[in-house]
Amino acid sequence: MSADMPESRSKPTAVVVLGSLHYDIMVEAPDRPVKGETVTGTRWYPKFGGKGGNQAVAAKRHGADTRLISATGSDNFADYLHARLAQVHISSEHVERFDEVATGMSVAIQDSDGDYGAVIVSGANLVISPKAIETPAIWEKATVLLLQNEVPESLNIVAAAKARSLGLTVCLNAAPARDMSAQFLELVDILVVNTVEAEALGSDTVDSLITAGIAAQKLSRRFPTVIVTAGGDGVAACSAGGDIKSIPAKPVSVVSTHGAGDVFTGVLCAELAITTPLPEAIRIANEQAADHVAAQ
C-alpha cells in the first residue's frame, strides 16, 4: 500500500477497468533488433500483462476497489493470468474464458538501457462480451471507468456510454495508438497518452517536458483533460485549453520502463476515484511510476 495513500482509502471507491489481459513473454537482450537482424538475448521469462490487467493491478495495489472486465482462452496462459489476478484479490467473475479462442499474449524485447518494444497478439481480448457492462453490481460505488485501445472500440463505446449515464468519469489511455471515432472520443473525460500517442492524435513533436505541455494544451481543445507522459522527462497536463501543469520525473536509476505507463494510469484512476484533486493525483501517480521503473 502506497505511503501516499489517504486514510479514507479504508472505504475505497471503485474503479471499473475494461481492457486486455496478455501473457507476456519478456526477452532481455543487449539491443533490440533492427529489420533483418538477429540478436542474442540473455534471458526470458513470463509476466502478467495486458494494459487492462496491468492497470487494474496498479489500481488495486494502490488501494482501490477494482473490477475488471476482460477475457481469456482456456489454455495454460489463461491459468497463469487468472492465478495472478487471484493473488492480488481481483475477481475473475467478469473475465470470461473461451474454449475456442487463444489467450492474448505479447513478446517484449528489453534492451540494456531498460527500454523495450513489443508485439501483441490479441486473441480473446477481441471477443470480450458486453454482458458484464450491463451487470449492475460491477458499477456499484464506482466513480471511474478506465479504458485502453487493446480491445474493440465498439466495446469501449458501450462501456463509456454506460459510465456516462451513471455519472462516472471516463478515462482513456489511448494506447496503443490507433484511429478512433468521434463518437468514442466525445465520451472521454480524461485522455492519457505518451509522446507517440500524443503525436498520433495531432500534436506537434513531443521531445521534452515543455513540448509535452504544449501537446497537452493543444489536445485539450478536443478533450476536457489531457495528460501527456514524457517518460524520463516527466508528465504534463492541461484542462479545457487552460494553463499547463508540468511535473518533472522523479530521478531514479532505470531498471526497466516496461509497464510504467500502466502503473501511472492505474494509480491516477485510483486517486481520482476518491476525489483526489487532479494535480495531486498526477503527482502521486508520477512518483509511483518512477518507483516501478527503479524496482523491477
C-alpha atoms as a PDB file:
ATOM      1  CA  MET A   1       0.000   0.000   0.000  1.00  0.00           C
ATOM      2  CA  SER A   2       1.387   3.396  -1.002  1.00  0.00           C
ATOM      3  CA  ALA A   3       2.754   5.678   1.666  1.00  0.00           C
ATOM      4  CA  ASP A   4       0.845   8.472  -0.056  1.00  0.00           C
ATOM      5  CA  MET A   5      -2.473   6.710   0.433  1.00  0.00           C
ATOM      6  CA  PRO A   6      -5.022   8.681   2.473  1.00  0.00           C
ATOM      7  CA  GLU A   7      -6.713   7.116   5.463  1.00  0.00           C
ATOM      8  CA  SER A   8     -10.077   7.474   3.705  1.00  0.00           C
ATOM      9  CA  ARG A   9      -8.964   4.635   1.412  1.00  0.00           C
ATOM     10  CA  SER A  10     -10.187   2.233   4.132  1.00  0.00           C
ATOM     11  CA  LYS A  11     -13.550   2.699   2.405  1.00  0.00           C
ATOM     12  CA  PRO A  12     -12.446   2.555  -1.242  1.00  0.00           C
ATOM     13  CA  THR A  13     -14.435   3.881  -4.147  1.00  0.00           C
ATOM     14  CA  ALA A  14     -14.457   1.576  -7.133  1.00  0.00           C
ATOM     15  CA  VAL A  15     -12.580   1.770 -10.403  1.00  0.00           C
ATOM     16  CA  VAL A  16     -14.011  -0.266 -13.282  1.00  0.00           C
ATOM     17  CA  VAL A  17     -11.388  -1.381 -15.818  1.00  0.00           C
ATOM     18  CA  LEU A  18     -12.359  -2.705 -19.226  1.00  0.00           C
ATOM     19  CA  GLY A  19      -9.302  -3.969 -21.033  1.00  0.00           C
ATOM     20  CA  SER A  20      -6.897  -6.612 -22.198  1.00  0.00           C
ATOM     21  CA  LEU A  21      -5.123  -9.480 -20.499  1.00  0.00           C
ATOM     22  CA  HIS A  22      -1.885 -10.779 -22.040  1.00  0.00           C
ATOM     23  CA  TYR A  23       0.563 -13.495 -21.163  1.00  0.00           C
ATOM     24  CA  ASP A  24       3.773 -11.520 -21.663  1.00  0.00           C
ATOM     25  CA  ILE A  25       6.997 -13.195 -22.722  1.00  0.00           C
ATOM     26  CA  MET A  26       9.817 -10.851 -21.723  1.00  0.00           C
ATOM     27  CA  VAL A  27      13.134 -11.167 -23.550  1.00  0.00           C
ATOM     28  CA  GLU A  28      16.257  -9.350 -22.353  1.00  0.00           C
ATOM     29  CA  ALA A  29      18.974  -8.554 -24.879  1.00  0.00           C
ATOM     30  CA  PRO A  30      21.835  -6.053 -25.311  1.00  0.00           C
ATOM     31  CA  ASP A  31      19.898  -4.292 -28.085  1.00  0.00           C
ATOM     32  CA  ARG A  32      16.567  -4.539 -29.844  1.00  0.00           C
ATOM     33  CA  PRO A  33      16.950  -5.994 -33.352  1.00  0.00           C
ATOM     34  CA  VAL A  34      16.525  -3.889 -36.457  1.00  0.00           C
ATOM     35  CA  LYS A  35      14.908  -5.276 -39.610  1.00  0.00           C
ATOM     36  CA  GLY A  36      16.625  -8.474 -40.700  1.00  0.00           C
ATOM     37  CA  GLU A  37      18.874  -8.649 -37.636  1.00  0.00           C
ATOM     38  CA  THR A  38      19.211 -11.492 -35.135  1.00  0.00           C
ATOM     39  CA  VAL A  39      20.299 -10.522 -31.625  1.00  0.00           C
ATOM     40  CA  THR A  40      21.422 -12.998 -28.966  1.00  0.00           C
ATOM     41  CA  GLY A  41      19.437 -12.469 -25.779  1.00  0.00           C
ATOM     42  CA  THR A  42      20.443 -13.100 -22.184  1.00  0.00           C
ATOM     43  CA  ARG A  43      17.226 -14.467 -20.661  1.00  0.00           C
ATOM     44  CA  TRP A  44      13.439 -14.670 -20.996  1.00  0.00           C
ATOM     45  CA  TYR A  45      10.611 -15.047 -18.501  1.00  0.00           C
ATOM     46  CA  PRO A  46       6.788 -14.913 -18.368  1.00  0.00           C
ATOM     47  CA  LYS A  47       4.979 -11.928 -16.948  1.00  0.00           C
ATOM     48  CA  PHE A  48       1.383 -10.926 -16.238  1.00  0.00           C
ATOM     49  CA  GLY A  49       0.354  -8.320 -18.783  1.00  0.00           C
ATOM     50  CA  GLY A  50      -2.141  -6.574 -20.976  1.00  0.00           C
ATOM     51  CA  LYS A  51      -2.880  -2.906 -20.390  1.00  0.00           C
ATOM     52  CA  GLY A  52      -6.235  -3.690 -18.808  1.00  0.00           C
ATOM     53  CA  GLY A  53      -4.741  -6.222 -16.440  1.00  0.00           C
ATOM     54  CA  ASN A  54      -1.703  -4.128 -15.562  1.00  0.00           C
ATOM     55  CA  GLN A  55      -3.737  -1.010 -14.860  1.00  0.00           C
ATOM     56  CA  ALA A  56      -6.279  -2.937 -12.803  1.00  0.00           C
ATOM     57  CA  VAL A  57      -3.469  -4.423 -10.703  1.00  0.00           C
ATOM     58  CA  ALA A  58      -1.877  -0.998 -10.225  1.00  0.00           C
ATOM     59  CA  ALA A  59      -5.180   0.495  -9.069  1.00  0.00           C
ATOM     60  CA  LYS A  60      -5.827  -2.445  -6.751  1.00  0.00           C
ATOM     61  CA  ARG A  61      -2.354  -2.337  -5.205  1.00  0.00           C
ATOM     62  CA  HIS A  62      -2.848   1.361  -4.589  1.00  0.00           C
ATOM     63  CA  GLY A  63      -5.930   0.518  -2.548  1.00  0.00           C
ATOM     64  CA  ALA A  64      -8.836   0.970  -4.941  1.00  0.00           C
ATOM     65  CA  ASP A  65     -11.778  -1.403  -5.101  1.00  0.00           C
ATOM     66  CA  THR A  66     -11.096  -2.585  -8.661  1.00  0.00           C
ATOM     67  CA  ARG A  67     -13.397  -4.507 -11.034  1.00  0.00           C
ATOM     68  CA  LEU A  68     -12.005  -5.949 -14.274  1.00  0.00           C
ATOM     69  CA  ILE A  69     -13.916  -6.786 -17.450  1.00  0.00           C
ATOM     70  CA  SER A  70     -11.805  -8.901 -19.807  1.00  0.00           C
ATOM     71  CA  ALA A  71     -11.468 -12.356 -21.379  1.00  0.00           C
ATOM     72  CA  THR A  72      -9.006 -15.203 -21.829  1.00  0.00           C
ATOM     73  CA  GLY A  73      -8.896 -18.557 -23.525  1.00  0.00           C
ATOM     74  CA  SER A  74      -8.931 -21.830 -21.600  1.00  0.00           C
ATOM     75  CA  ASP A  75      -5.233 -22.613 -22.065  1.00  0.00           C
ATOM     76  CA  ASN A  76      -2.187 -22.605 -19.782  1.00  0.00           C
ATOM     77  CA  PHE A  77      -1.635 -18.908 -20.421  1.00  0.00           C
ATOM     78  CA  ALA A  78      -5.132 -18.260 -19.059  1.00  0.00           C
ATOM     79  CA  ASP A  79      -4.443 -20.333 -15.943  1.00  0.00           C
ATOM     80  CA  TYR A  80      -1.382 -18.179 -15.238  1.00  0.00           C
ATOM     81  CA  LEU A  81      -3.309 -14.910 -15.664  1.00  0.00           C
ATOM     82  CA  HIS A  82      -6.279 -15.961 -13.530  1.00  0.00           C
ATOM     83  CA  ALA A  83      -3.928 -17.133 -10.778  1.00  0.00           C
ATOM     84  CA  ARG A  84      -2.150 -13.786 -10.770  1.00  0.00           C
ATOM     85  CA  LEU A  85      -5.458 -11.913 -10.544  1.00  0.00           C
ATOM     86  CA  ALA A  86      -6.393 -14.044  -7.548  1.00  0.00           C
ATOM     87  CA  GLN A  87      -3.066 -13.248  -5.881  1.00  0.00           C
ATOM     88  CA  VAL A  88      -3.850  -9.530  -5.872  1.00  0.00           C
ATOM     89  CA  HIS A  89      -7.511 -10.142  -4.958  1.00  0.00           C
ATOM     90  CA  ILE A  90      -9.060  -9.033  -8.242  1.00  0.00           C
ATOM     91  CA  SER A  91     -12.113 -11.115  -9.046  1.00  0.00           C
ATOM     92  CA  SER A  92     -12.249 -13.074 -12.316  1.00  0.00           C
ATOM     93  CA  GLU A  93     -16.048 -13.034 -12.192  1.00  0.00           C
ATOM     94  CA  HIS A  94     -16.201 -10.827 -15.277  1.00  0.00           C
ATOM     95  CA  VAL A  95     -13.165 -12.323 -17.034  1.00  0.00           C
ATOM     96  CA  GLU A  96     -14.797 -14.844 -19.344  1.00  0.00           C
ATOM     97  CA  ARG A  97     -12.876 -17.943 -20.507  1.00  0.00           C
ATOM     98  CA  PHE A  98     -13.413 -19.096 -24.096  1.00  0.00           C
ATOM     99  CA  ASP A  99     -12.679 -22.635 -25.304  1.00  0.00           C
ATOM    100  CA  GLU A 100     -12.360 -21.742 -28.969  1.00  0.00           C
ATOM    101  CA  VAL A 101     -10.071 -18.683 -28.715  1.00  0.00           C
ATOM    102  CA  ALA A 102      -6.468 -18.446 -27.502  1.00  0.00           C
ATOM    103  CA  THR A 103      -5.472 -16.174 -24.644  1.00  0.00           C
ATOM    104  CA  GLY A 104      -3.937 -12.864 -25.669  1.00  0.00           C
ATOM    105  CA  MET A 105      -0.166 -12.703 -25.467  1.00  0.00           C
ATOM    106  CA  SER A 106       2.797 -10.486 -26.244  1.00  0.00           C
ATOM    107  CA  VAL A 107       6.536 -10.684 -26.763  1.00  0.00           C
ATOM    108  CA  ALA A 108       8.535  -7.736 -25.422  1.00  0.00           C
ATOM    109  CA  ILE A 109      12.250  -7.233 -26.037  1.00  0.00           C
ATOM    110  CA  GLN A 110      14.041  -5.120 -23.443  1.00  0.00           C
ATOM    111  CA  ASP A 111      17.484  -3.664 -24.162  1.00  0.00           C
ATOM    112  CA  SER A 112      20.339  -2.914 -21.776  1.00  0.00           C
ATOM    113  CA  ASP A 113      19.021   0.632 -21.168  1.00  0.00           C
ATOM    114  CA  GLY A 114      15.711  -0.749 -19.878  1.00  0.00           C
ATOM    115  CA  ASP A 115      13.722   0.398 -22.908  1.00  0.00           C
ATOM    116  CA  TYR A 116      11.575  -2.072 -24.815  1.00  0.00           C
ATOM    117  CA  GLY A 117       9.480  -2.794 -27.876  1.00  0.00           C
ATOM    118  CA  ALA A 118       6.628  -5.290 -28.020  1.00  0.00           C
ATOM    119  CA  VAL A 119       4.334  -7.219 -30.324  1.00  0.00           C
ATOM    120  CA  ILE A 120       0.877  -8.241 -29.108  1.00  0.00           C
ATOM    121  CA  VAL A 121      -1.458 -10.975 -30.361  1.00  0.00           C
ATOM    122  CA  SER A 122      -4.896 -10.014 -29.075  1.00  0.00           C
ATOM    123  CA  GLY A 123      -6.668 -13.392 -29.049  1.00  0.00           C
ATOM    124  CA  ALA A 124      -9.568 -13.479 -26.586  1.00  0.00           C
ATOM    125  CA  ASN A 125      -9.343  -9.731 -25.987  1.00  0.00           C
ATOM    126  CA  LEU A 126     -11.140  -9.230 -29.299  1.00  0.00           C
ATOM    127  CA  VAL A 127     -14.198 -11.204 -28.175  1.00  0.00           C
ATOM    128  CA  ILE A 128     -14.815  -9.765 -24.696  1.00  0.00           C
ATOM    129  CA  SER A 129     -18.544  -9.967 -24.080  1.00  0.00           C
ATOM    130  CA  PRO A 130     -20.504  -6.755 -23.392  1.00  0.00           C
ATOM    131  CA  LYS A 131     -22.784  -8.589 -20.951  1.00  0.00           C
ATOM    132  CA  ALA A 132     -20.709  -7.587 -17.916  1.00  0.00           C
ATOM    133  CA  ILE A 133     -21.227  -3.927 -18.818  1.00  0.00           C
ATOM    134  CA  GLU A 134     -24.929  -4.350 -18.174  1.00  0.00           C
ATOM    135  CA  THR A 135     -24.376  -6.041 -14.800  1.00  0.00           C
ATOM    136  CA  PRO A 136     -25.461  -3.532 -12.094  1.00  0.00           C
ATOM    137  CA  ALA A 137     -23.073  -4.916  -9.454  1.00  0.00           C
ATOM    138  CA  ILE A 138     -19.971  -4.027 -11.426  1.00  0.00           C
ATOM    139  CA  TRP A 139     -20.891  -0.337 -11.266  1.00  0.00           C
ATOM    140  CA  GLU A 140     -21.796  -0.255  -7.564  1.00  0.00           C
ATOM    141  CA  LYS A 141     -19.974   2.654  -5.857  1.00  0.00           C
ATOM    142  CA  ALA A 142     -17.844   3.156  -8.976  1.00  0.00           C
ATOM    143  CA  THR A 143     -16.774   6.660  -9.961  1.00  0.00           C
ATOM    144  CA  VAL A 144     -14.144   5.988 -12.667  1.00  0.00           C
ATOM    145  CA  LEU A 145     -14.140   3.849 -15.816  1.00  0.00           C
ATOM    146  CA  LEU A 146     -10.686   3.148 -17.245  1.00  0.00           C
ATOM    147  CA  LEU A 147     -10.288   2.155 -20.905  1.00  0.00           C
ATOM    148  CA  GLN A 148      -7.417   1.452 -23.335  1.00  0.00           C
ATOM    149  CA  ASN A 149      -7.040   0.601 -27.043  1.00  0.00           C
ATOM    150  CA  GLU A 150      -6.332  -3.137 -26.801  1.00  0.00           C
ATOM    151  CA  VAL A 151      -9.995  -4.148 -27.082  1.00  0.00           C
ATOM    152  CA  PRO A 152     -12.502  -3.341 -29.866  1.00  0.00           C
ATOM    153  CA  GLU A 153     -13.618   0.279 -29.957  1.00  0.00           C
ATOM    154  CA  SER A 154     -17.256  -0.818 -30.219  1.00  0.00           C
ATOM    155  CA  LEU A 155     -16.950  -2.338 -26.739  1.00  0.00           C
ATOM    156  CA  ASN A 156     -15.271   0.780 -25.361  1.00  0.00           C
ATOM    157  CA  ILE A 157     -18.158   2.866 -26.702  1.00  0.00           C
ATOM    158  CA  VAL A 158     -20.770   0.698 -24.967  1.00  0.00           C
ATOM    159  CA  ALA A 159     -18.876   0.891 -21.666  1.00  0.00           C
ATOM    160  CA  ALA A 160     -18.189   4.617 -21.910  1.00  0.00           C
ATOM    161  CA  ALA A 161     -21.826   5.386 -22.721  1.00  0.00           C
ATOM    162  CA  LYS A 162     -22.954   3.297 -19.751  1.00  0.00           C
ATOM    163  CA  ALA A 163     -20.460   5.005 -17.456  1.00  0.00           C
ATOM    164  CA  ARG A 164     -21.541   8.438 -18.617  1.00  0.00           C
ATOM    165  CA  SER A 165     -25.196   7.547 -17.973  1.00  0.00           C
ATOM    166  CA  LEU A 166     -24.241   6.675 -14.403  1.00  0.00           C
ATOM    167  CA  GLY A 167     -22.214   9.843 -13.856  1.00  0.00           C
ATOM    168  CA  LEU A 168     -18.765   8.232 -13.861  1.00  0.00           C
ATOM    169  CA  THR A 169     -15.555   9.837 -15.089  1.00  0.00           C
ATOM    170  CA  VAL A 170     -14.309   8.132 -18.274  1.00  0.00           C
ATOM    171  CA  CYS A 171     -10.522   7.896 -18.516  1.00  0.00           C
ATOM    172  CA  LEU A 172      -8.954   6.664 -21.754  1.00  0.00           C
ATOM    173  CA  ASN A 173      -5.350   5.582 -22.001  1.00  0.00           C
ATOM    174  CA  ALA A 174      -5.202   5.752 -25.805  1.00  0.00           C
ATOM    175  CA  ALA A 175      -2.590   3.033 -26.142  1.00  0.00           C
ATOM    176  CA  PRO A 176      -1.601   1.626 -28.486  1.00  0.00           C
ATOM    177  CA  ALA A 177      -2.159   4.464 -30.941  1.00  0.00           C
ATOM    178  CA  ARG A 178      -4.940   3.797 -33.457  1.00  0.00           C
ATOM    179  CA  ASP A 179      -7.667   5.666 -35.300  1.00  0.00           C
ATOM    180  CA  MET A 180     -10.627   6.413 -33.029  1.00  0.00           C
ATOM    181  CA  SER A 181     -14.103   7.588 -33.946  1.00  0.00           C
ATOM    182  CA  ALA A 182     -15.588  10.937 -32.972  1.00  0.00           C
ATOM    183  CA  GLN A 183     -18.435   9.019 -31.320  1.00  0.00           C
ATOM    184  CA  PHE A 184     -15.977   7.387 -28.929  1.00  0.00           C
ATOM    185  CA  LEU A 185     -13.776  10.413 -28.261  1.00  0.00           C
ATOM    186  CA  GLU A 186     -16.786  12.536 -27.325  1.00  0.00           C
ATOM    187  CA  LEU A 187     -17.348  10.182 -24.371  1.00  0.00           C
ATOM    188  CA  VAL A 188     -13.836  10.682 -22.928  1.00  0.00           C
ATOM    189  CA  ASP A 189     -13.321  12.957 -19.900  1.00  0.00           C
ATOM    190  CA  ILE A 190      -9.606  12.349 -19.293  1.00  0.00           C
ATOM    191  CA  LEU A 191      -7.155  11.377 -22.028  1.00  0.00           C
ATOM    192  CA  VAL A 192      -3.804   9.848 -21.004  1.00  0.00           C
ATOM    193  CA  VAL A 193      -1.204   9.456 -23.765  1.00  0.00           C
ATOM    194  CA  ASN A 194       2.538   9.095 -24.134  1.00  0.00           C
ATOM    195  CA  THR A 195       4.595  11.087 -26.619  1.00  0.00           C
ATOM    196  CA  VAL A 196       3.965   8.722 -29.552  1.00  0.00           C
ATOM    197  CA  GLU A 197       0.218   8.618 -28.925  1.00  0.00           C
ATOM    198  CA  ALA A 198       0.013  12.403 -28.499  1.00  0.00           C
ATOM    199  CA  GLU A 199       1.660  12.897 -31.880  1.00  0.00           C
ATOM    200  CA  ALA A 200      -0.679  10.326 -33.462  1.00  0.00           C
ATOM    201  CA  LEU A 201      -3.637  12.371 -32.202  1.00  0.00           C
ATOM    202  CA  GLY A 202      -2.347  15.518 -33.862  1.00  0.00           C
ATOM    203  CA  SER A 203       0.131  17.205 -31.529  1.00  0.00           C
ATOM    204  CA  ASP A 204       3.439  18.550 -32.747  1.00  0.00           C
ATOM    205  CA  THR A 205       6.627  16.603 -31.984  1.00  0.00           C
ATOM    206  CA  VAL A 206       6.979  15.782 -28.282  1.00  0.00           C
ATOM    207  CA  ASP A 207      10.613  15.507 -27.199  1.00  0.00           C
ATOM    208  CA  SER A 208      10.729  17.263 -23.821  1.00  0.00           C
ATOM    209  CA  LEU A 209       8.578  18.207 -20.854  1.00  0.00           C
ATOM    210  CA  ILE A 210       7.979  21.622 -22.428  1.00  0.00           C
ATOM    211  CA  THR A 211       6.707  20.154 -25.708  1.00  0.00           C
ATOM    212  CA  ALA A 212       4.647  17.603 -23.735  1.00  0.00           C
ATOM    213  CA  GLY A 213       2.890  20.549 -22.106  1.00  0.00           C
ATOM    214  CA  ILE A 214       2.287  22.202 -25.463  1.00  0.00           C
ATOM    215  CA  ALA A 215       0.860  18.903 -26.753  1.00  0.00           C
ATOM    216  CA  ALA A 216      -1.431  18.574 -23.723  1.00  0.00           C
ATOM    217  CA  GLN A 217      -2.681  22.129 -24.226  1.00  0.00           C
ATOM    218  CA  LYS A 218      -3.339  21.577 -27.927  1.00  0.00           C
ATOM    219  CA  LEU A 219      -5.189  18.298 -27.368  1.00  0.00           C
ATOM    220  CA  SER A 220      -7.217  19.799 -24.510  1.00  0.00           C
ATOM    221  CA  ARG A 221      -9.126  21.779 -27.139  1.00  0.00           C
ATOM    222  CA  ARG A 222     -10.672  18.412 -28.065  1.00  0.00           C
ATOM    223  CA  PHE A 223     -10.817  16.703 -24.643  1.00  0.00           C
ATOM    224  CA  PRO A 224     -11.811  18.057 -21.208  1.00  0.00           C
ATOM    225  CA  THR A 225      -8.481  16.997 -19.660  1.00  0.00           C
ATOM    226  CA  VAL A 226      -5.297  15.721 -21.308  1.00  0.00           C
ATOM    227  CA  ILE A 227      -2.272  14.172 -19.611  1.00  0.00           C
ATOM    228  CA  VAL A 228       0.899  13.552 -21.629  1.00  0.00           C
ATOM    229  CA  THR A 229       3.515  11.283 -20.070  1.00  0.00           C
ATOM    230  CA  ALA A 230       7.017  12.043 -21.326  1.00  0.00           C
ATOM    231  CA  GLY A 231       8.996   9.184 -19.802  1.00  0.00           C
ATOM    232  CA  GLY A 232      12.146  10.328 -18.044  1.00  0.00           C
ATOM    233  CA  ASP A 233      11.246  13.997 -18.576  1.00  0.00           C
ATOM    234  CA  GLY A 234       8.049  13.884 -16.521  1.00  0.00           C
ATOM    235  CA  VAL A 235       4.360  14.493 -17.157  1.00  0.00           C
ATOM    236  CA  ALA A 236       2.297  17.457 -18.350  1.00  0.00           C
ATOM    237  CA  ALA A 237      -1.432  18.108 -18.130  1.00  0.00           C
ATOM    238  CA  CYS A 238      -3.950  20.655 -19.321  1.00  0.00           C
ATOM    239  CA  SER A 239      -7.710  21.043 -18.925  1.00  0.00           C
ATOM    240  CA  ALA A 240     -10.021  22.782 -21.403  1.00  0.00           C
ATOM    241  CA  GLY A 241      -7.239  24.689 -23.140  1.00  0.00           C
ATOM    242  CA  GLY A 242      -6.164  26.321 -19.861  1.00  0.00           C
ATOM    243  CA  ASP A 243      -2.793  26.596 -18.176  1.00  0.00           C
ATOM    244  CA  ILE A 244      -0.238  23.798 -18.494  1.00  0.00           C
ATOM    245  CA  LYS A 245       0.738  21.914 -15.344  1.00  0.00           C
ATOM    246  CA  SER A 246       4.093  20.126 -15.585  1.00  0.00           C
ATOM    247  CA  ILE A 247       5.761  17.765 -13.125  1.00  0.00           C
ATOM    248  CA  PRO A 248       9.365  16.680 -13.701  1.00  0.00           C
ATOM    249  CA  ALA A 249      10.151  12.990 -13.416  1.00  0.00           C
ATOM    250  CA  LYS A 250      11.378  11.682 -10.081  1.00  0.00           C
ATOM    251  CA  PRO A 251      15.106  10.910 -10.504  1.00  0.00           C
ATOM    252  CA  VAL A 252      15.675   7.137 -10.349  1.00  0.00           C
ATOM    253  CA  SER A 253      18.062   4.547 -11.703  1.00  0.00           C
ATOM    254  CA  VAL A 254      16.180   2.829 -14.524  1.00  0.00           C
ATOM    255  CA  VAL A 255      15.893  -0.949 -14.326  1.00  0.00           C
ATOM    256  CA  SER A 256      13.042  -1.335 -16.831  1.00  0.00           C
ATOM    257  CA  THR A 257      10.443   1.014 -18.292  1.00  0.00           C
ATOM    258  CA  HIS A 258       8.083  -1.890 -19.054  1.00  0.00           C
ATOM    259  CA  GLY A 259       4.660  -1.264 -17.507  1.00  0.00           C
ATOM    260  CA  ALA A 260       5.488   2.194 -16.133  1.00  0.00           C
ATOM    261  CA  GLY A 261       2.690   3.864 -18.082  1.00  0.00           C
ATOM    262  CA  ASP A 262       0.215   1.309 -16.787  1.00  0.00           C
ATOM    263  CA  VAL A 263       1.264   1.949 -13.191  1.00  0.00           C
ATOM    264  CA  PHE A 264       0.851   5.691 -13.757  1.00  0.00           C
ATOM    265  CA  THR A 265      -2.632   5.318 -15.221  1.00  0.00           C
ATOM    266  CA  GLY A 266      -3.863   2.780 -12.679  1.00  0.00           C
ATOM    267  CA  VAL A 267      -2.669   4.838  -9.707  1.00  0.00           C
ATOM    268  CA  LEU A 268      -4.054   8.025 -11.255  1.00  0.00           C
ATOM    269  CA  CYS A 269      -7.528   6.492 -11.521  1.00  0.00           C
ATOM    270  CA  ALA A 270      -7.321   5.040  -8.014  1.00  0.00           C
ATOM    271  CA  GLU A 271      -6.660   8.548  -6.701  1.00  0.00           C
ATOM    272  CA  LEU A 272      -9.336  10.175  -8.840  1.00  0.00           C
ATOM    273  CA  ALA A 273     -11.839   7.600  -7.584  1.00  0.00           C
ATOM    274  CA  ILE A 274     -11.531   9.073  -4.096  1.00  0.00           C
ATOM    275  CA  THR A 275     -11.748  12.637  -5.498  1.00  0.00           C
ATOM    276  CA  THR A 276      -8.082  13.499  -5.060  1.00  0.00           C
ATOM    277  CA  PRO A 277      -7.555  16.797  -6.931  1.00  0.00           C
ATOM    278  CA  LEU A 278      -6.101  16.190 -10.385  1.00  0.00           C
ATOM    279  CA  PRO A 279      -2.681  17.845  -9.828  1.00  0.00           C
ATOM    280  CA  GLU A 280      -2.119  15.808  -6.662  1.00  0.00           C
ATOM    281  CA  ALA A 281      -3.340  12.606  -8.322  1.00  0.00           C
ATOM    282  CA  ILE A 282      -0.865  13.183 -11.165  1.00  0.00           C
ATOM    283  CA  ARG A 283       1.978  13.841  -8.706  1.00  0.00           C
ATOM    284  CA  ILE A 284       1.300  10.617  -6.806  1.00  0.00           C
ATOM    285  CA  ALA A 285       0.941   8.583  -9.997  1.00  0.00           C
ATOM    286  CA  ASN A 286       4.167  10.072 -11.370  1.00  0.00           C
ATOM    287  CA  GLU A 287       6.087   9.044  -8.246  1.00  0.00           C
ATOM    288  CA  GLN A 288       4.630   5.547  -8.216  1.00  0.00           C
ATOM    289  CA  ALA A 289       5.569   5.039 -11.883  1.00  0.00           C
ATOM    290  CA  ALA A 290       9.120   6.164 -11.154  1.00  0.00           C
ATOM    291  CA  ASP A 291       9.380   3.744  -8.249  1.00  0.00           C
ATOM    292  CA  HIS A 292       8.149   0.962 -10.562  1.00  0.00           C
ATOM    293  CA  VAL A 293      10.837   1.787 -13.146  1.00  0.00           C
ATOM    294  CA  ALA A 294      13.518   1.546 -10.477  1.00  0.00           C
ATOM    295  CA  ALA A 295      12.219  -1.556  -8.705  1.00  0.00           C
ATOM    296  CA  GLN A 296      11.554  -4.150 -11.420  1.00  0.00           C
END
